[in-house]
Amino acid sequence: MSKAYWIVRVSVQDAARYPEYLAAAKPAFEKYGARFLVRGGASAVLEGRGRDRNVVVEFADRTTAQACYDSPEYSAAKTIRQAAAETDFVIPEGVDSGVDNANPAGGGPKPWPDPAFRPVFSRYY
């Protein structure tokens, strides 16, 4: 089963309330085994519209990630976050451990139909 992630792009509008959100969300994060991979820090916007903070949180699977978001523990925190910040929030599934990460087309560890493309994309995937 693939891991899943919260990818949250945040523009904090009320800096005084944002720490209140983090404290309120902590019980949900602990209950659902959330693991922070990216939490703020410097970033570069290469395309599109950037936000102040970028957060990536890992969960065991998509069901767990969704359950955390929908949980009573996170509900109160979500209300605080929505009042204190503008966010983009998605929950994508990760790549199965058996997938060839050098193959950007996905679908398992099979070579591309045209090996000539592999060197071009292997720099990025």
Protein backbone atom coordinates (compact mmCIF):
# COMPACT_ATOMS: atom_id res chain seq x y z
CA MET A 1 0.00 0.00 0.00
CA SER A 2 1.28 3.48 -0.88
CA LYS A 3 1.97 6.13 1.70
CA ALA A 4 -0.01 9.33 1.36
CA TYR A 5 0.79 12.94 2.09
CA TRP A 6 -0.76 16.17 3.10
CA ILE A 7 0.74 18.83 0.87
CA VAL A 8 -0.27 22.16 2.29
CA ARG A 9 0.75 25.54 0.90
CA VAL A 10 0.08 28.25 3.47
CA SER A 11 -0.11 32.05 3.48
CA VAL A 12 -0.41 33.04 7.14
CA GLN A 13 -2.68 36.05 7.60
CA ASP A 14 -2.87 36.10 11.40
CA ALA A 15 0.56 35.23 12.77
CA ALA A 16 -0.63 35.49 16.37
CA ARG A 17 -3.21 32.70 15.90
CA TYR A 18 -1.13 30.30 13.78
CA PRO A 19 0.77 28.78 16.75
CA GLU A 20 -2.66 28.14 18.32
CA TYR A 21 -3.50 26.01 15.25
CA LEU A 22 -0.28 24.00 15.58
CA ALA A 23 -0.96 23.28 19.25
CA ALA A 24 -4.57 22.29 18.54
CA ALA A 25 -3.55 19.99 15.68
CA LYS A 26 -0.88 18.11 17.65
CA PRO A 27 -3.23 15.46 19.14
CA ALA A 28 -4.49 14.53 15.66
CA PHE A 29 -0.95 14.35 14.30
CA GLU A 30 0.07 12.05 17.14
CA LYS A 31 -3.04 9.84 16.88
CA TYR A 32 -2.68 9.28 13.11
CA GLY A 33 1.11 8.91 13.01
CA ALA A 34 1.79 12.09 11.02
CA ARG A 35 5.44 12.53 10.07
CA PHE A 36 6.54 16.00 8.97
CA LEU A 37 8.89 15.88 5.98
CA VAL A 38 8.76 19.60 5.16
CA ARG A 39 7.63 22.25 7.60
CA GLY A 40 8.17 25.81 6.45
CA GLY A 41 11.76 26.69 5.67
CA ALA A 42 13.21 28.46 2.67
CA SER A 43 11.78 27.67 -0.75
CA ALA A 44 12.03 28.99 -4.29
CA VAL A 45 9.01 29.60 -6.49
CA LEU A 46 9.98 28.45 -9.97
CA GLU A 47 6.52 28.55 -11.53
CA GLY A 48 3.05 29.59 -10.42
CA ARG A 49 2.07 31.43 -7.28
CA GLY A 50 4.04 30.77 -4.12
CA ARG A 51 2.92 30.87 -0.52
CA ASP A 52 4.70 31.78 2.72
CA ARG A 53 5.04 28.20 3.95
CA ASN A 54 5.06 24.76 2.39
CA VAL A 55 4.29 21.70 4.49
CA VAL A 56 4.50 18.01 3.57
CA VAL A 57 3.19 15.49 6.09
CA GLU A 58 3.55 11.73 5.54
CA PHE A 59 0.92 9.17 6.58
CA ALA A 60 0.88 5.38 6.38
CA ASP A 61 -1.73 5.45 3.58
CA ARG A 62 -4.46 7.59 2.00
CA THR A 63 -7.15 6.27 4.34
CA THR A 64 -5.14 7.39 7.37
CA ALA A 65 -4.36 10.79 5.84
CA GLN A 66 -8.04 11.40 5.09
CA ALA A 67 -9.11 10.10 8.52
CA CYS A 68 -6.76 12.55 10.22
CA TYR A 69 -8.16 15.45 8.17
CA ASP A 70 -11.77 14.39 8.94
CA SER A 71 -11.14 13.57 12.62
CA PRO A 72 -12.73 15.37 15.55
CA GLU A 73 -9.18 15.97 16.85
CA TYR A 74 -8.26 17.92 13.71
CA SER A 75 -11.62 19.63 13.21
CA ALA A 76 -11.09 22.33 15.84
CA ALA A 77 -7.56 22.93 14.61
CA LYS A 78 -8.78 23.21 11.02
CA THR A 79 -11.22 25.97 12.04
CA ILE A 80 -8.36 27.94 13.62
CA ARG A 81 -6.13 27.41 10.56
CA GLN A 82 -8.84 28.50 8.16
CA ALA A 83 -9.31 31.72 10.16
CA ALA A 84 -5.58 32.40 10.44
CA ALA A 85 -4.32 31.45 6.98
CA GLU A 86 -5.16 30.92 3.34
CA THR A 87 -4.20 27.43 2.23
CA ASP A 88 -4.07 25.02 -0.68
CA PHE A 89 -4.48 21.50 0.71
CA VAL A 90 -4.20 18.21 -1.20
CA ILE A 91 -3.78 14.53 -0.25
CA PRO A 92 -1.92 12.61 -2.98
CA GLU A 93 -0.82 8.99 -2.77
CA GLY A 94 2.87 8.23 -2.92
CA VAL A 95 4.67 5.84 -5.24
CA ASP A 96 4.66 2.17 -4.25
CA SER A 97 8.04 0.94 -3.11
CA GLY A 98 8.05 -1.57 -6.00
CA VAL A 99 7.80 1.14 -8.67
CA ASP A 100 10.86 2.06 -10.70
CA ASN A 101 11.35 5.71 -9.72
CA ALA A 102 13.50 6.27 -12.79
CA ASN A 103 10.40 5.58 -14.90
CA PRO A 104 8.28 8.76 -14.77
CA ALA A 105 5.41 7.01 -16.56
CA GLY A 106 4.91 4.85 -13.44
CA GLY A 107 3.20 1.51 -13.63
CA GLY A 108 5.96 -0.60 -12.17
CA PRO A 109 9.54 -1.46 -12.91
CA LYS A 110 9.27 -1.73 -16.69
CA PRO A 111 11.47 0.12 -19.15
CA TRP A 112 10.07 2.88 -21.31
CA PRO A 113 9.05 1.81 -24.80
CA ASP A 114 11.72 4.13 -26.20
CA PRO A 115 14.90 4.01 -24.08
CA ALA A 116 16.12 7.21 -25.76
CA PHE A 117 13.81 9.22 -23.49
CA ARG A 118 15.07 7.68 -20.27
CA PRO A 119 18.23 9.84 -19.94
CA VAL A 120 16.22 13.04 -20.37
CA PHE A 121 13.69 12.25 -17.66
CA SER A 122 15.97 10.41 -15.25
CA ARG A 123 17.40 13.77 -14.14
CA TYR A 124 13.99 14.75 -12.78
CA TYR A 125 12.56 11.47 -11.48
